């Protein structure tokens, strides 16, 4: 029994160390966002672009550009208040694969503005995809 638990722990640590869950979340989110006609070819292209970005040191282009971030924020703010709740903010980061459900984020009790949301999405994107 211990050997099986040890192998499972080692497997989880290996996946965490190499950020495989984040990569798979990114690939899945990207597929659902673009819905390419040929998903396997699309995934191969994305992985090749990640490899080239890693080799050249050039940042990998994230599929959520500013207009997409604004659109996502506006969907969460249908009354046009200019802010979203912390819960909406965390769910959006999870949807984008930029945070895990068990990740603890600091809730300051304040609403999240578009600028705060955009800055956090961009910062987390750079941090996560720099490791791929």
C-alpha atoms as a PDB file:
ATOM      1  CA  UNK A   1       0.000   0.000   0.000  1.00  0.00           C
ATOM      2  CA  UNK A   2       2.817   2.417   0.891  1.00  0.00           C
ATOM      3  CA  UNK A   3       4.586   1.788  -2.415  1.00  0.00           C
ATOM      4  CA  UNK A   4       1.447   2.726  -4.350  1.00  0.00           C
ATOM      5  CA  UNK A   5       1.015   5.909  -2.285  1.00  0.00           C
ATOM      6  CA  UNK A   6       4.671   6.769  -2.792  1.00  0.00           C
ATOM      7  CA  UNK A   7       4.376   6.308  -6.574  1.00  0.00           C
ATOM      8  CA  UNK A   8       1.244   8.462  -6.596  1.00  0.00           C
ATOM      9  CA  UNK A   9       2.972  11.158  -4.554  1.00  0.00           C
ATOM     10  CA  UNK A  10       5.989  11.049  -6.854  1.00  0.00           C
ATOM     11  CA  UNK A  11       3.748  11.273  -9.916  1.00  0.00           C
ATOM     12  CA  UNK A  12       1.891  14.290  -8.505  1.00  0.00           C
ATOM     13  CA  UNK A  13       5.170  15.989  -7.625  1.00  0.00           C
ATOM     14  CA  UNK A  14       6.544  15.327 -11.117  1.00  0.00           C
ATOM     15  CA  UNK A  15       3.450  16.864 -12.747  1.00  0.00           C
ATOM     16  CA  UNK A  16       3.553  19.859 -10.385  1.00  0.00           C
ATOM     17  CA  UNK A  17       7.278  20.419 -10.887  1.00  0.00           C
ATOM     18  CA  UNK A  18       6.890  20.511 -14.672  1.00  0.00           C
ATOM     19  CA  UNK A  19       3.629  22.496 -14.534  1.00  0.00           C
ATOM     20  CA  UNK A  20       1.791  19.899 -16.599  1.00  0.00           C
ATOM     21  CA  UNK A  21      -1.668  20.677 -15.126  1.00  0.00           C
ATOM     22  CA  UNK A  22      -1.279  24.341 -16.122  1.00  0.00           C
ATOM     23  CA  UNK A  23      -0.153  23.357 -19.612  1.00  0.00           C
ATOM     24  CA  UNK A  24      -3.121  21.031 -20.065  1.00  0.00           C
ATOM     25  CA  UNK A  25      -5.503  23.690 -18.767  1.00  0.00           C
ATOM     26  CA  UNK A  26      -4.028  26.202 -21.204  1.00  0.00           C
ATOM     27  CA  UNK A  27      -4.341  23.799 -24.139  1.00  0.00           C
ATOM     28  CA  UNK A  28      -7.917  22.908 -23.226  1.00  0.00           C
ATOM     29  CA  UNK A  29      -8.918  26.547 -22.702  1.00  0.00           C
ATOM     30  CA  UNK A  30      -7.329  27.506 -25.989  1.00  0.00           C
ATOM     31  CA  UNK A  31      -9.208  24.739 -27.811  1.00  0.00           C
ATOM     32  CA  UNK A  32     -12.507  25.849 -26.341  1.00  0.00           C
ATOM     33  CA  UNK A  33     -11.780  29.505 -27.026  1.00  0.00           C
ATOM     34  CA  UNK A  34     -10.837  29.081 -30.715  1.00  0.00           C
ATOM     35  CA  UNK A  35     -12.645  25.807 -31.532  1.00  0.00           C
ATOM     36  CA  UNK A  36     -10.365  24.965 -34.462  1.00  0.00           C
ATOM     37  CA  UNK A  37     -11.593  22.727 -37.259  1.00  0.00           C
ATOM     38  CA  UNK A  38      -8.657  20.349 -36.711  1.00  0.00           C
ATOM     39  CA  UNK A  39      -7.970  20.256 -32.958  1.00  0.00           C
ATOM     40  CA  UNK A  40      -5.008  17.863 -33.061  1.00  0.00           C
ATOM     41  CA  UNK A  41      -3.184  19.936 -35.668  1.00  0.00           C
ATOM     42  CA  UNK A  42      -3.978  23.052 -33.638  1.00  0.00           C
ATOM     43  CA  UNK A  43      -2.522  21.501 -30.469  1.00  0.00           C
ATOM     44  CA  UNK A  44       0.620  20.452 -32.329  1.00  0.00           C
ATOM     45  CA  UNK A  45       0.993  24.026 -33.602  1.00  0.00           C
ATOM     46  CA  UNK A  46       0.547  25.469 -30.111  1.00  0.00           C
ATOM     47  CA  UNK A  47       3.097  23.087 -28.621  1.00  0.00           C
ATOM     48  CA  UNK A  48       5.560  23.901 -31.396  1.00  0.00           C
ATOM     49  CA  UNK A  49       5.067  27.631 -30.788  1.00  0.00           C
ATOM     50  CA  UNK A  50       5.690  27.074 -27.073  1.00  0.00           C
ATOM     51  CA  UNK A  51       8.895  25.185 -27.877  1.00  0.00           C
ATOM     52  CA  UNK A  52      10.124  27.950 -30.194  1.00  0.00           C
ATOM     53  CA  UNK A  53       9.238  30.641 -27.652  1.00  0.00           C
ATOM     54  CA  UNK A  54      11.213  28.756 -25.003  1.00  0.00           C
ATOM     55  CA  UNK A  55      14.250  28.310 -27.275  1.00  0.00           C
ATOM     56  CA  UNK A  56      14.318  31.903 -28.492  1.00  0.00           C
ATOM     57  CA  UNK A  57      13.309  33.600 -25.255  1.00  0.00           C
ATOM     58  CA  UNK A  58      10.482  35.378 -27.067  1.00  0.00           C
ATOM     59  CA  UNK A  59       7.285  35.558 -25.052  1.00  0.00           C
ATOM     60  CA  UNK A  60       4.586  33.163 -26.118  1.00  0.00           C
ATOM     61  CA  UNK A  61       1.506  35.018 -27.320  1.00  0.00           C
ATOM     62  CA  UNK A  62      -1.427  34.413 -25.005  1.00  0.00           C
ATOM     63  CA  UNK A  63      -4.804  33.986 -26.685  1.00  0.00           C
ATOM     64  CA  UNK A  64      -6.467  36.499 -24.364  1.00  0.00           C
ATOM     65  CA  UNK A  65      -5.549  39.887 -25.773  1.00  0.00           C
ATOM     66  CA  UNK A  66      -6.790  43.153 -24.282  1.00  0.00           C
ATOM     67  CA  UNK A  67     -10.106  43.093 -26.154  1.00  0.00           C
ATOM     68  CA  UNK A  68     -10.805  39.549 -24.901  1.00  0.00           C
ATOM     69  CA  UNK A  69      -9.981  40.536 -21.332  1.00  0.00           C
ATOM     70  CA  UNK A  70     -12.286  43.552 -21.573  1.00  0.00           C
ATOM     71  CA  UNK A  71     -15.070  41.404 -23.052  1.00  0.00           C
ATOM     72  CA  UNK A  72     -14.735  38.832 -20.292  1.00  0.00           C
ATOM     73  CA  UNK A  73     -14.829  41.584 -17.654  1.00  0.00           C
ATOM     74  CA  UNK A  74     -17.899  43.190 -19.247  1.00  0.00           C
ATOM     75  CA  UNK A  75     -19.721  39.843 -19.229  1.00  0.00           C
ATOM     76  CA  UNK A  76     -19.111  39.627 -15.492  1.00  0.00           C
ATOM     77  CA  UNK A  77     -20.225  43.251 -15.046  1.00  0.00           C
ATOM     78  CA  UNK A  78     -23.554  43.398 -16.925  1.00  0.00           C
ATOM     79  CA  UNK A  79     -24.769  46.399 -14.914  1.00  0.00           C
ATOM     80  CA  UNK A  80     -21.677  48.323 -16.030  1.00  0.00           C
ATOM     81  CA  UNK A  81     -20.571  49.254 -12.484  1.00  0.00           C
ATOM     82  CA  UNK A  82     -16.929  49.092 -13.482  1.00  0.00           C
ATOM     83  CA  UNK A  83     -16.097  46.419 -10.913  1.00  0.00           C
ATOM     84  CA  UNK A  84     -16.598  42.712 -10.301  1.00  0.00           C
ATOM     85  CA  UNK A  85     -16.689  40.736  -7.080  1.00  0.00           C
ATOM     86  CA  UNK A  86     -13.760  38.781  -5.718  1.00  0.00           C
ATOM     87  CA  UNK A  87     -15.657  35.532  -6.382  1.00  0.00           C
ATOM     88  CA  UNK A  88     -16.125  36.484 -10.062  1.00  0.00           C
ATOM     89  CA  UNK A  89     -12.452  37.448 -10.263  1.00  0.00           C
ATOM     90  CA  UNK A  90     -11.271  34.103  -8.882  1.00  0.00           C
ATOM     91  CA  UNK A  91     -13.660  32.126 -11.112  1.00  0.00           C
ATOM     92  CA  UNK A  92     -12.402  34.038 -14.164  1.00  0.00           C
ATOM     93  CA  UNK A  93      -8.778  33.258 -13.289  1.00  0.00           C
ATOM     94  CA  UNK A  94      -9.702  29.585 -12.858  1.00  0.00           C
ATOM     95  CA  UNK A  95     -11.539  29.553 -16.190  1.00  0.00           C
ATOM     96  CA  UNK A  96      -8.470  30.979 -17.897  1.00  0.00           C
ATOM     97  CA  UNK A  97      -6.233  28.390 -16.244  1.00  0.00           C
ATOM     98  CA  UNK A  98      -4.391  31.092 -14.326  1.00  0.00           C
ATOM     99  CA  UNK A  99      -5.267  29.852 -10.867  1.00  0.00           C
ATOM    100  CA  UNK A 100      -6.274  26.560  -9.322  1.00  0.00           C
ATOM    101  CA  UNK A 101      -9.456  26.015  -7.304  1.00  0.00           C
ATOM    102  CA  UNK A 102      -7.420  25.379  -4.152  1.00  0.00           C
ATOM    103  CA  UNK A 103      -5.128  28.381  -4.601  1.00  0.00           C
ATOM    104  CA  UNK A 104      -5.561  30.929  -1.850  1.00  0.00           C
ATOM    105  CA  UNK A 105      -5.965  34.450  -3.178  1.00  0.00           C
ATOM    106  CA  UNK A 106      -6.002  37.460  -0.884  1.00  0.00           C
ATOM    107  CA  UNK A 107      -9.501  38.903  -0.707  1.00  0.00           C
ATOM    108  CA  UNK A 108      -9.142  42.521   0.364  1.00  0.00           C
ATOM    109  CA  UNK A 109     -12.891  42.941   0.493  1.00  0.00           C
ATOM    110  CA  UNK A 110     -12.720  45.465  -2.320  1.00  0.00           C
ATOM    111  CA  UNK A 111     -14.250  45.090  -5.738  1.00  0.00           C
ATOM    112  CA  UNK A 112     -11.957  44.352  -8.681  1.00  0.00           C
ATOM    113  CA  UNK A 113     -11.690  47.003 -11.405  1.00  0.00           C
ATOM    114  CA  UNK A 114     -11.010  46.310 -15.065  1.00  0.00           C
ATOM    115  CA  UNK A 115      -7.448  47.635 -14.687  1.00  0.00           C
ATOM    116  CA  UNK A 116      -6.810  45.344 -11.698  1.00  0.00           C
ATOM    117  CA  UNK A 117      -8.290  42.380 -13.557  1.00  0.00           C
ATOM    118  CA  UNK A 118      -6.270  43.070 -16.728  1.00  0.00           C
ATOM    119  CA  UNK A 119      -3.035  43.557 -14.773  1.00  0.00           C
ATOM    120  CA  UNK A 120      -3.508  40.308 -12.867  1.00  0.00           C
ATOM    121  CA  UNK A 121      -4.379  38.307 -15.989  1.00  0.00           C
ATOM    122  CA  UNK A 122      -1.301  39.650 -17.783  1.00  0.00           C
ATOM    123  CA  UNK A 123       1.000  39.107 -14.785  1.00  0.00           C
ATOM    124  CA  UNK A 124      -0.176  35.553 -14.179  1.00  0.00           C
ATOM    125  CA  UNK A 125       0.001  34.748 -17.880  1.00  0.00           C
ATOM    126  CA  UNK A 126       3.618  35.852 -18.086  1.00  0.00           C
ATOM    127  CA  UNK A 127       4.540  33.902 -14.942  1.00  0.00           C
ATOM    128  CA  UNK A 128       2.851  30.678 -15.983  1.00  0.00           C
ATOM    129  CA  UNK A 129       3.776  30.520 -19.642  1.00  0.00           C
ATOM    130  CA  UNK A 130       7.379  31.518 -19.022  1.00  0.00           C
ATOM    131  CA  UNK A 131       7.784  28.113 -17.377  1.00  0.00           C
ATOM    132  CA  UNK A 132       6.488  26.044 -20.303  1.00  0.00           C
END
